[in-house]
């Protein structure tokens, strides 16, 4: 199911979904493959930059200080770096996600 996808004007057989707006300066970006029960770090951590996580396959569970957020395929979530956090695969199959570090 492609929730919130649209076909832009003058496009055919093309579906798009905005994942984020302007959010700061990009430091770097990575792709991660999380096996079942994979993730980390084992203890939640903090840092000065934020992370924008985009799930392209599967589901990721983001463990925050006092909250759990599930990010599904074709969804994104911005984690503020000063909030203790870790990221885990939330399904019994591989999850693939992109992490973008932002100032």
N, C-alpha and C. Protein backbone atom coordinates (compact mmCIF):
# COMPACT_ATOMS: atom_id res chain seq x y z
N UNK A 1 0.84 -1.17 0.00
CA UNK A 1 0.00 0.00 0.00
C UNK A 1 0.89 1.24 0.00
N UNK A 2 0.65 2.12 -0.92
CA UNK A 2 1.47 3.33 -1.05
C UNK A 2 0.69 4.51 -0.48
N UNK A 3 0.74 4.63 0.83
CA UNK A 3 0.03 5.69 1.54
C UNK A 3 0.68 7.05 1.27
N UNK A 4 -0.12 8.02 0.91
CA UNK A 4 0.29 9.41 0.71
C UNK A 4 1.20 9.61 -0.51
N UNK A 5 1.16 8.70 -1.47
CA UNK A 5 1.91 8.89 -2.71
C UNK A 5 1.03 9.66 -3.70
N UNK A 6 1.66 10.47 -4.55
CA UNK A 6 0.93 11.23 -5.57
C UNK A 6 1.64 11.07 -6.91
N UNK A 7 0.93 11.35 -7.97
CA UNK A 7 1.54 11.44 -9.30
C UNK A 7 1.65 12.92 -9.62
N UNK A 8 2.87 13.44 -9.75
CA UNK A 8 3.04 14.87 -10.04
C UNK A 8 2.49 15.22 -11.42
N UNK A 9 2.16 16.50 -11.62
CA UNK A 9 1.68 16.93 -12.94
C UNK A 9 2.68 16.57 -14.04
N UNK A 10 2.16 16.20 -15.19
CA UNK A 10 2.95 15.86 -16.38
C UNK A 10 3.83 14.62 -16.19
N UNK A 11 3.46 13.72 -15.29
CA UNK A 11 4.16 12.45 -15.09
C UNK A 11 3.17 11.31 -15.36
N UNK A 12 3.69 10.16 -15.80
CA UNK A 12 2.86 8.97 -15.94
C UNK A 12 3.60 7.80 -15.32
N UNK A 13 2.84 6.86 -14.77
CA UNK A 13 3.42 5.68 -14.11
C UNK A 13 4.53 6.09 -13.13
N UNK A 14 4.25 7.13 -12.36
CA UNK A 14 5.23 7.74 -11.46
C UNK A 14 4.50 8.11 -10.18
N UNK A 15 4.96 7.56 -9.05
CA UNK A 15 4.35 7.89 -7.77
C UNK A 15 5.44 8.39 -6.83
N UNK A 16 5.17 9.48 -6.15
CA UNK A 16 6.17 10.10 -5.28
C UNK A 16 5.53 10.45 -3.93
N UNK A 17 6.38 10.49 -2.92
CA UNK A 17 5.95 10.85 -1.57
C UNK A 17 7.05 11.67 -0.93
N UNK A 18 6.73 12.88 -0.47
CA UNK A 18 7.72 13.71 0.21
C UNK A 18 8.03 13.09 1.57
N UNK A 19 9.31 12.95 1.86
CA UNK A 19 9.73 12.37 3.13
C UNK A 19 10.16 13.42 4.14
N UNK A 20 10.63 14.58 3.67
CA UNK A 20 11.02 15.64 4.60
C UNK A 20 11.14 16.94 3.85
N UNK A 21 11.08 18.03 4.61
CA UNK A 21 11.30 19.38 4.09
C UNK A 21 12.70 19.83 4.49
N UNK A 22 12.98 21.09 4.30
CA UNK A 22 14.27 21.65 4.69
C UNK A 22 14.46 21.45 6.20
N UNK A 23 15.61 20.85 6.57
CA UNK A 23 15.80 20.52 7.98
C UNK A 23 17.19 20.86 8.49
N UNK A 24 18.03 21.49 7.71
CA UNK A 24 19.36 21.84 8.19
C UNK A 24 20.43 21.44 7.21
N UNK A 25 21.66 21.48 7.68
CA UNK A 25 22.81 21.16 6.85
C UNK A 25 23.15 19.67 6.95
N UNK A 26 23.25 19.00 5.81
CA UNK A 26 23.57 17.58 5.80
C UNK A 26 25.07 17.39 6.06
N UNK A 27 25.38 16.55 7.03
CA UNK A 27 26.77 16.21 7.36
C UNK A 27 27.21 15.03 6.50
N UNK A 28 26.40 13.95 6.53
CA UNK A 28 26.69 12.76 5.74
C UNK A 28 25.45 11.89 5.65
N UNK A 29 25.54 10.84 4.87
CA UNK A 29 24.43 9.90 4.71
C UNK A 29 24.97 8.49 4.58
N UNK A 30 24.22 7.52 5.08
CA UNK A 30 24.63 6.12 5.04
C UNK A 30 23.42 5.25 4.76
N UNK A 31 23.69 4.04 4.28
CA UNK A 31 22.64 3.03 4.16
C UNK A 31 22.99 1.89 5.10
N UNK A 32 21.98 1.32 5.73
CA UNK A 32 22.20 0.23 6.68
C UNK A 32 21.26 -0.93 6.37
N UNK A 33 21.79 -2.14 6.49
CA UNK A 33 21.02 -3.37 6.34
C UNK A 33 20.96 -4.02 7.72
N UNK A 34 19.76 -4.09 8.28
CA UNK A 34 19.58 -4.65 9.62
C UNK A 34 18.96 -6.03 9.52
N UNK A 35 19.68 -7.04 9.94
CA UNK A 35 19.17 -8.41 9.98
C UNK A 35 18.14 -8.52 11.09
N UNK A 36 17.33 -9.59 11.10
CA UNK A 36 16.40 -9.78 12.22
C UNK A 36 17.15 -9.68 13.56
N UNK A 37 16.58 -8.97 14.49
CA UNK A 37 17.14 -8.71 15.83
C UNK A 37 18.38 -7.81 15.78
N UNK A 38 18.67 -7.21 14.62
CA UNK A 38 19.84 -6.35 14.50
C UNK A 38 19.52 -4.90 14.85
N UNK A 39 20.55 -4.17 15.20
CA UNK A 39 20.39 -2.75 15.50
C UNK A 39 21.46 -2.29 16.47
N UNK A 40 21.22 -1.12 17.04
CA UNK A 40 22.17 -0.62 18.01
C UNK A 40 22.15 0.89 18.13
N UNK A 41 23.00 1.40 18.96
CA UNK A 41 23.91 0.67 19.83
C UNK A 41 23.16 -0.03 20.96
N UNK A 42 23.85 -0.94 21.66
CA UNK A 42 23.21 -1.70 22.73
C UNK A 42 22.68 -0.79 23.83
N UNK A 43 23.41 0.26 24.14
CA UNK A 43 22.93 1.27 25.09
C UNK A 43 22.62 2.53 24.30
N UNK A 44 21.50 3.16 24.59
CA UNK A 44 21.13 4.40 23.89
C UNK A 44 22.24 5.43 24.03
N UNK A 45 22.41 6.24 23.00
CA UNK A 45 23.48 7.23 23.00
C UNK A 45 22.93 8.60 22.58
N UNK A 46 23.74 9.63 22.78
CA UNK A 46 23.40 10.99 22.34
C UNK A 46 24.61 11.56 21.61
N UNK A 47 24.37 12.63 20.86
CA UNK A 47 25.44 13.35 20.16
C UNK A 47 24.91 14.71 19.73
N UNK A 48 25.78 15.54 19.19
CA UNK A 48 25.41 16.92 18.87
C UNK A 48 24.58 17.05 17.60
N UNK A 49 24.63 16.07 16.70
CA UNK A 49 23.87 16.17 15.45
C UNK A 49 22.60 15.32 15.51
N UNK A 50 21.67 15.61 14.60
CA UNK A 50 20.42 14.86 14.50
C UNK A 50 20.56 13.78 13.43
N UNK A 51 19.64 12.81 13.45
CA UNK A 51 19.59 11.77 12.41
C UNK A 51 18.22 11.80 11.76
N UNK A 52 18.19 11.80 10.44
CA UNK A 52 16.97 11.58 9.69
C UNK A 52 17.04 10.15 9.18
N UNK A 53 16.14 9.29 9.65
CA UNK A 53 16.10 7.90 9.23
C UNK A 53 14.99 7.71 8.22
N UNK A 54 15.30 7.06 7.10
CA UNK A 54 14.33 6.76 6.04
C UNK A 54 14.37 5.25 5.82
N UNK A 55 13.24 4.58 6.00
CA UNK A 55 13.17 3.13 5.82
C UNK A 55 12.74 2.85 4.38
N UNK A 56 13.55 2.05 3.67
CA UNK A 56 13.24 1.70 2.29
C UNK A 56 12.73 0.25 2.17
N UNK A 57 12.92 -0.54 3.22
CA UNK A 57 12.43 -1.93 3.25
C UNK A 57 12.27 -2.33 4.70
N UNK A 58 11.16 -2.97 5.03
CA UNK A 58 10.94 -3.46 6.38
C UNK A 58 10.41 -2.41 7.33
N UNK A 59 10.80 -2.53 8.60
CA UNK A 59 10.39 -1.60 9.66
C UNK A 59 11.52 -1.43 10.65
N UNK A 60 11.71 -0.20 11.09
CA UNK A 60 12.70 0.08 12.12
C UNK A 60 12.00 0.57 13.37
N UNK A 61 12.49 0.14 14.53
CA UNK A 61 11.97 0.62 15.80
C UNK A 61 13.03 1.53 16.40
N UNK A 62 12.67 2.78 16.59
CA UNK A 62 13.60 3.75 17.17
C UNK A 62 13.27 3.85 18.66
N UNK A 63 14.24 3.49 19.46
CA UNK A 63 14.08 3.53 20.90
C UNK A 63 14.59 4.88 21.38
N UNK A 64 13.67 5.71 21.89
CA UNK A 64 14.02 7.01 22.42
C UNK A 64 14.09 6.92 23.94
N UNK A 65 14.39 8.01 24.58
CA UNK A 65 14.52 8.05 26.03
C UNK A 65 13.34 7.38 26.72
N UNK A 66 12.11 7.82 26.41
CA UNK A 66 10.91 7.29 27.06
C UNK A 66 9.83 6.89 26.06
N UNK A 67 10.23 6.56 24.83
CA UNK A 67 9.25 6.32 23.78
C UNK A 67 9.85 5.39 22.72
N UNK A 68 8.97 4.61 22.06
CA UNK A 68 9.37 3.80 20.92
C UNK A 68 8.59 4.27 19.69
N UNK A 69 9.29 4.48 18.58
CA UNK A 69 8.67 4.91 17.33
C UNK A 69 8.93 3.84 16.29
N UNK A 70 7.90 3.36 15.60
CA UNK A 70 8.07 2.41 14.51
C UNK A 70 7.99 3.18 13.20
N UNK A 71 9.03 3.04 12.39
CA UNK A 71 9.11 3.70 11.09
C UNK A 71 9.00 2.59 10.04
N UNK A 72 7.95 2.68 9.22
CA UNK A 72 7.68 1.66 8.21
C UNK A 72 8.28 2.04 6.87
N UNK A 73 8.26 1.10 5.94
CA UNK A 73 8.75 1.32 4.58
C UNK A 73 8.13 2.60 4.01
N UNK A 74 8.96 3.40 3.37
CA UNK A 74 8.54 4.65 2.74
C UNK A 74 8.14 5.72 3.75
N UNK A 75 8.65 5.61 4.99
CA UNK A 75 8.43 6.63 6.00
C UNK A 75 9.79 7.12 6.51
N UNK A 76 9.75 8.29 7.15
CA UNK A 76 10.97 8.84 7.73
C UNK A 76 10.69 9.35 9.14
N UNK A 77 11.77 9.54 9.91
CA UNK A 77 11.64 10.08 11.26
C UNK A 77 12.93 10.80 11.60
N UNK A 78 12.80 11.99 12.17
CA UNK A 78 13.96 12.78 12.59
C UNK A 78 14.19 12.58 14.08
N UNK A 79 15.39 12.10 14.43
CA UNK A 79 15.77 11.90 15.83
C UNK A 79 16.68 13.05 16.24
N UNK A 80 16.28 13.79 17.25
CA UNK A 80 17.14 14.84 17.80
C UNK A 80 18.30 14.18 18.54
N UNK A 81 19.51 14.60 18.22
CA UNK A 81 20.70 13.97 18.76
C UNK A 81 20.83 14.02 20.26
N UNK A 82 20.25 15.04 20.90
CA UNK A 82 20.39 15.15 22.36
C UNK A 82 19.46 14.21 23.12
N UNK A 83 18.54 13.53 22.42
CA UNK A 83 17.65 12.56 23.05
C UNK A 83 18.32 11.18 22.97
N UNK A 84 18.48 10.49 24.10
CA UNK A 84 19.07 9.15 24.05
C UNK A 84 18.28 8.26 23.08
N UNK A 85 19.01 7.54 22.20
CA UNK A 85 18.33 6.75 21.18
C UNK A 85 19.18 5.57 20.70
N UNK A 86 18.48 4.58 20.14
CA UNK A 86 19.08 3.48 19.40
C UNK A 86 18.05 3.03 18.37
N UNK A 87 18.49 2.25 17.38
CA UNK A 87 17.62 1.85 16.27
C UNK A 87 17.71 0.34 16.08
N UNK A 88 16.54 -0.31 15.92
CA UNK A 88 16.48 -1.76 15.82
C UNK A 88 15.54 -2.20 14.71
N UNK A 89 15.85 -3.36 14.12
CA UNK A 89 14.95 -3.97 13.16
C UNK A 89 13.68 -4.39 13.91
N UNK A 90 12.52 -4.13 13.33
CA UNK A 90 11.26 -4.41 14.01
C UNK A 90 10.51 -5.58 13.38
N UNK A 91 11.13 -6.29 12.42
CA UNK A 91 10.46 -7.41 11.75
C UNK A 91 11.38 -8.63 11.72
N UNK A 92 10.84 -9.76 11.27
CA UNK A 92 11.60 -11.00 11.18
C UNK A 92 12.23 -11.19 9.80
N UNK A 93 12.50 -10.10 9.12
CA UNK A 93 13.17 -10.11 7.82
C UNK A 93 14.13 -8.92 7.82
N UNK A 94 14.90 -8.79 6.78
CA UNK A 94 15.85 -7.67 6.70
C UNK A 94 15.13 -6.32 6.59
N UNK A 95 15.66 -5.32 7.28
CA UNK A 95 15.21 -3.94 7.15
C UNK A 95 16.36 -3.14 6.55
N UNK A 96 16.02 -2.27 5.60
CA UNK A 96 17.01 -1.42 4.97
C UNK A 96 16.62 0.03 5.25
N UNK A 97 17.58 0.82 5.70
CA UNK A 97 17.28 2.22 6.00
C UNK A 97 18.45 3.11 5.65
N UNK A 98 18.10 4.35 5.36
CA UNK A 98 19.09 5.39 5.08
C UNK A 98 19.12 6.30 6.29
N UNK A 99 20.32 6.63 6.72
CA UNK A 99 20.50 7.56 7.83
C UNK A 99 21.25 8.80 7.33
N UNK A 100 20.65 9.94 7.56
CA UNK A 100 21.27 11.20 7.15
C UNK A 100 21.57 11.99 8.43
N UNK A 101 22.85 12.33 8.63
CA UNK A 101 23.25 13.12 9.80
C UNK A 101 23.11 14.60 9.45
N UNK A 102 22.50 15.37 10.35
CA UNK A 102 22.15 16.77 10.10
C UNK A 102 22.61 17.65 11.25
N UNK A 103 23.23 18.80 10.88
CA UNK A 103 23.62 19.81 11.88
C UNK A 103 22.38 20.55 12.32
